[in-house]
Amino acid sequence: MEASLRKIIAFLLVFSLCNHGKAEYCSLSDLSVTQTTIPSKVDGYMVTVENRCICTQANVKLSCGGFNSSAMGVDPDVLSVDGDGQLCTLNGGRPIGMGPEYAVKFSYSSGSQFSFKPVSSTIACS
């Protein structure tokens, strides 16, 4: 009986270690948001959102209070304002892979710069 209990405990320990996967190492802080001015465009800004995690991140929501994507010339497939006007969905909710080649970029024109901070995402590791 004692040997069986040890085997069960060992199995559960190994299973729990394997089940955590890479997703526990990914977080919102792996979404890097950089914003620069566009020198050739008055009041123009370029925003780049890069996933620095090995896992994809989908359904990315950014804070964007007061931002109006259509009035500022942003493609809604790239950045769309949600119903409450406080959050924006990035990339139509589609997954964003790791690295600069998968970064999502958009530009906008405004008299002032907006702050875009990651609020939530769904992390998926294979």
C-alpha atoms as a PDB file:
ATOM      1  CA  MET A   1       0.000   0.000   0.000  1.00  0.00           C
ATOM      2  CA  GLU A   2       2.789   2.408   0.914  1.00  0.00           C
ATOM      3  CA  ALA A   3       4.635   1.714  -2.355  1.00  0.00           C
ATOM      4  CA  SER A   4       1.452   2.415  -4.336  1.00  0.00           C
ATOM      5  CA  LEU A   5       0.968   5.705  -2.526  1.00  0.00           C
ATOM      6  CA  ARG A   6       4.551   6.730  -3.321  1.00  0.00           C
ATOM      7  CA  LYS A   7       4.021   5.894  -6.997  1.00  0.00           C
ATOM      8  CA  ILE A   8       0.824   7.943  -7.103  1.00  0.00           C
ATOM      9  CA  ILE A   9       2.508  10.928  -5.442  1.00  0.00           C
ATOM     10  CA  ALA A  10       5.499  10.670  -7.799  1.00  0.00           C
ATOM     11  CA  PHE A  11       3.168  10.496 -10.802  1.00  0.00           C
ATOM     12  CA  LEU A  12       1.193  13.541  -9.667  1.00  0.00           C
ATOM     13  CA  LEU A  13       4.397  15.498  -9.080  1.00  0.00           C
ATOM     14  CA  VAL A  14       5.753  14.690 -12.551  1.00  0.00           C
ATOM     15  CA  PHE A  15       2.362  15.397 -14.152  1.00  0.00           C
ATOM     16  CA  SER A  16       2.055  18.792 -12.474  1.00  0.00           C
ATOM     17  CA  LEU A  17       5.562  19.788 -13.585  1.00  0.00           C
ATOM     18  CA  CYS A  18       4.877  18.762 -17.189  1.00  0.00           C
ATOM     19  CA  ASN A  19       1.441  20.330 -17.261  1.00  0.00           C
ATOM     20  CA  HIS A  20       2.665  23.855 -16.513  1.00  0.00           C
ATOM     21  CA  GLY A  21       4.372  24.215 -19.890  1.00  0.00           C
ATOM     22  CA  LYS A  22       5.820  27.437 -21.240  1.00  0.00           C
ATOM     23  CA  ALA A  23       2.717  29.563 -20.716  1.00  0.00           C
ATOM     24  CA  GLU A  24       3.606  30.228 -17.090  1.00  0.00           C
ATOM     25  CA  TYR A  25       6.702  32.050 -18.307  1.00  0.00           C
ATOM     26  CA  CYS A  26       4.709  34.405 -20.507  1.00  0.00           C
ATOM     27  CA  SER A  27       2.814  37.447 -19.354  1.00  0.00           C
ATOM     28  CA  LEU A  28       1.549  40.829 -20.481  1.00  0.00           C
ATOM     29  CA  SER A  29       5.009  42.224 -19.812  1.00  0.00           C
ATOM     30  CA  ASP A  30       6.174  40.191 -22.838  1.00  0.00           C
ATOM     31  CA  LEU A  31       4.113  42.503 -25.035  1.00  0.00           C
ATOM     32  CA  SER A  32       6.377  45.436 -25.799  1.00  0.00           C
ATOM     33  CA  VAL A  33       4.661  48.628 -26.940  1.00  0.00           C
ATOM     34  CA  THR A  34       6.856  51.302 -28.478  1.00  0.00           C
ATOM     35  CA  GLN A  35       5.662  54.580 -29.892  1.00  0.00           C
ATOM     36  CA  THR A  36       7.649  57.031 -31.973  1.00  0.00           C
ATOM     37  CA  THR A  37       6.871  60.239 -33.781  1.00  0.00           C
ATOM     38  CA  ILE A  38       6.810  60.147 -37.558  1.00  0.00           C
ATOM     39  CA  PRO A  39       9.234  62.898 -38.628  1.00  0.00           C
ATOM     40  CA  SER A  40       7.623  63.443 -42.030  1.00  0.00           C
ATOM     41  CA  LYS A  41       4.098  63.755 -40.629  1.00  0.00           C
ATOM     42  CA  VAL A  42       2.847  66.529 -38.360  1.00  0.00           C
ATOM     43  CA  ASP A  43       1.245  65.037 -35.232  1.00  0.00           C
ATOM     44  CA  GLY A  44       1.906  61.526 -36.571  1.00  0.00           C
ATOM     45  CA  TYR A  45       2.813  58.567 -34.380  1.00  0.00           C
ATOM     46  CA  MET A  46       3.916  55.003 -35.157  1.00  0.00           C
ATOM     47  CA  VAL A  47       3.014  52.285 -32.635  1.00  0.00           C
ATOM     48  CA  THR A  48       4.663  48.863 -32.652  1.00  0.00           C
ATOM     49  CA  VAL A  49       3.452  45.994 -30.465  1.00  0.00           C
ATOM     50  CA  GLU A  50       5.892  43.094 -30.301  1.00  0.00           C
ATOM     51  CA  ASN A  51       5.418  39.772 -28.524  1.00  0.00           C
ATOM     52  CA  ARG A  52       8.683  38.781 -26.829  1.00  0.00           C
ATOM     53  CA  CYS A  53       7.365  35.460 -25.534  1.00  0.00           C
ATOM     54  CA  ILE A  54       7.926  32.126 -27.259  1.00  0.00           C
ATOM     55  CA  CYS A  55       4.170  31.490 -26.995  1.00  0.00           C
ATOM     56  CA  THR A  56       1.653  33.302 -29.169  1.00  0.00           C
ATOM     57  CA  GLN A  57      -0.613  35.880 -27.585  1.00  0.00           C
ATOM     58  CA  ALA A  58      -4.105  36.356 -28.983  1.00  0.00           C
ATOM     59  CA  ASN A  59      -7.105  38.479 -28.039  1.00  0.00           C
ATOM     60  CA  VAL A  60      -4.724  41.252 -27.029  1.00  0.00           C
ATOM     61  CA  LYS A  61      -6.487  44.185 -25.382  1.00  0.00           C
ATOM     62  CA  LEU A  62      -4.783  47.540 -24.929  1.00  0.00           C
ATOM     63  CA  SER A  63      -5.906  50.474 -22.827  1.00  0.00           C
ATOM     64  CA  CYS A  64      -6.801  53.283 -25.220  1.00  0.00           C
ATOM     65  CA  GLY A  65      -9.200  55.638 -23.434  1.00  0.00           C
ATOM     66  CA  GLY A  66     -10.387  58.435 -25.717  1.00  0.00           C
ATOM     67  CA  PHE A  67      -8.855  56.940 -28.857  1.00  0.00           C
ATOM     68  CA  ASN A  68     -11.007  56.937 -31.994  1.00  0.00           C
ATOM     69  CA  SER A  69      -9.413  54.597 -34.525  1.00  0.00           C
ATOM     70  CA  SER A  70     -11.579  55.589 -37.475  1.00  0.00           C
ATOM     71  CA  ALA A  71     -11.128  59.346 -36.920  1.00  0.00           C
ATOM     72  CA  MET A  72      -7.373  58.844 -36.620  1.00  0.00           C
ATOM     73  CA  GLY A  73      -7.006  56.760 -39.763  1.00  0.00           C
ATOM     74  CA  VAL A  74      -6.295  53.346 -38.201  1.00  0.00           C
ATOM     75  CA  ASP A  75      -7.420  50.169 -39.974  1.00  0.00           C
ATOM     76  CA  PRO A  76      -9.993  48.482 -37.669  1.00  0.00           C
ATOM     77  CA  ASP A  77      -8.483  45.071 -38.528  1.00  0.00           C
ATOM     78  CA  VAL A  78      -5.302  46.278 -36.836  1.00  0.00           C
ATOM     79  CA  LEU A  79      -6.777  48.242 -33.911  1.00  0.00           C
ATOM     80  CA  SER A  80     -10.437  48.586 -33.036  1.00  0.00           C
ATOM     81  CA  VAL A  81     -12.022  50.403 -30.123  1.00  0.00           C
ATOM     82  CA  ASP A  82     -14.264  48.192 -27.994  1.00  0.00           C
ATOM     83  CA  GLY A  83     -17.774  49.218 -26.962  1.00  0.00           C
ATOM     84  CA  ASP A  84     -16.788  50.944 -23.717  1.00  0.00           C
ATOM     85  CA  GLY A  85     -14.221  53.178 -25.433  1.00  0.00           C
ATOM     86  CA  GLN A  86     -11.557  52.321 -22.858  1.00  0.00           C
ATOM     87  CA  LEU A  87     -10.070  49.204 -24.468  1.00  0.00           C
ATOM     88  CA  CYS A  88      -8.895  48.395 -27.967  1.00  0.00           C
ATOM     89  CA  THR A  89      -8.548  44.998 -29.624  1.00  0.00           C
ATOM     90  CA  LEU A  90      -5.244  44.517 -31.423  1.00  0.00           C
ATOM     91  CA  ASN A  91      -4.896  42.605 -34.700  1.00  0.00           C
ATOM     92  CA  GLY A  92      -8.579  41.665 -34.774  1.00  0.00           C
ATOM     93  CA  GLY A  93      -7.934  39.307 -31.842  1.00  0.00           C
ATOM     94  CA  ARG A  94      -5.726  37.111 -34.034  1.00  0.00           C
ATOM     95  CA  PRO A  95      -2.558  35.559 -32.528  1.00  0.00           C
ATOM     96  CA  ILE A  96       0.697  37.464 -32.496  1.00  0.00           C
ATOM     97  CA  GLY A  97       3.841  35.355 -32.804  1.00  0.00           C
ATOM     98  CA  MET A  98       7.206  35.986 -31.209  1.00  0.00           C
ATOM     99  CA  GLY A  99       9.666  38.470 -32.636  1.00  0.00           C
ATOM    100  CA  PRO A 100       9.846  41.639 -34.670  1.00  0.00           C
ATOM    101  CA  GLU A 101       8.721  39.926 -37.884  1.00  0.00           C
ATOM    102  CA  TYR A 102       5.311  39.297 -36.250  1.00  0.00           C
ATOM    103  CA  ALA A 103       4.991  42.709 -34.627  1.00  0.00           C
ATOM    104  CA  VAL A 104       1.752  44.579 -35.197  1.00  0.00           C
ATOM    105  CA  LYS A 105       2.214  48.173 -36.338  1.00  0.00           C
ATOM    106  CA  PHE A 106      -0.127  51.064 -36.871  1.00  0.00           C
ATOM    107  CA  SER A 107       0.152  54.801 -37.211  1.00  0.00           C
ATOM    108  CA  TYR A 108      -2.232  57.568 -36.254  1.00  0.00           C
ATOM    109  CA  SER A 109      -2.495  61.334 -36.364  1.00  0.00           C
ATOM    110  CA  SER A 110      -3.463  63.290 -33.287  1.00  0.00           C
ATOM    111  CA  GLY A 111      -2.632  66.529 -31.526  1.00  0.00           C
ATOM    112  CA  SER A 112      -1.513  64.463 -28.541  1.00  0.00           C
ATOM    113  CA  GLN A 113       0.072  61.094 -28.016  1.00  0.00           C
ATOM    114  CA  PHE A 114      -2.081  58.280 -26.607  1.00  0.00           C
ATOM    115  CA  SER A 115      -0.896  55.650 -24.160  1.00  0.00           C
ATOM    116  CA  PHE A 116      -1.406  52.037 -25.253  1.00  0.00           C
ATOM    117  CA  LYS A 117      -0.740  49.551 -22.456  1.00  0.00           C
ATOM    118  CA  PRO A 118      -1.459  45.808 -22.583  1.00  0.00           C
ATOM    119  CA  VAL A 119      -4.411  44.936 -20.348  1.00  0.00           C
ATOM    120  CA  SER A 120      -5.110  41.294 -21.230  1.00  0.00           C
ATOM    121  CA  SER A 121      -4.296  38.508 -23.671  1.00  0.00           C
ATOM    122  CA  THR A 122      -4.769  34.797 -24.182  1.00  0.00           C
ATOM    123  CA  ILE A 123      -1.456  32.929 -24.133  1.00  0.00           C
ATOM    124  CA  ALA A 124      -1.212  29.779 -26.243  1.00  0.00           C
ATOM    125  CA  CYS A 125       1.747  27.394 -26.301  1.00  0.00           C
ATOM    126  CA  SER A 126       1.907  24.292 -28.430  1.00  0.00           C
END
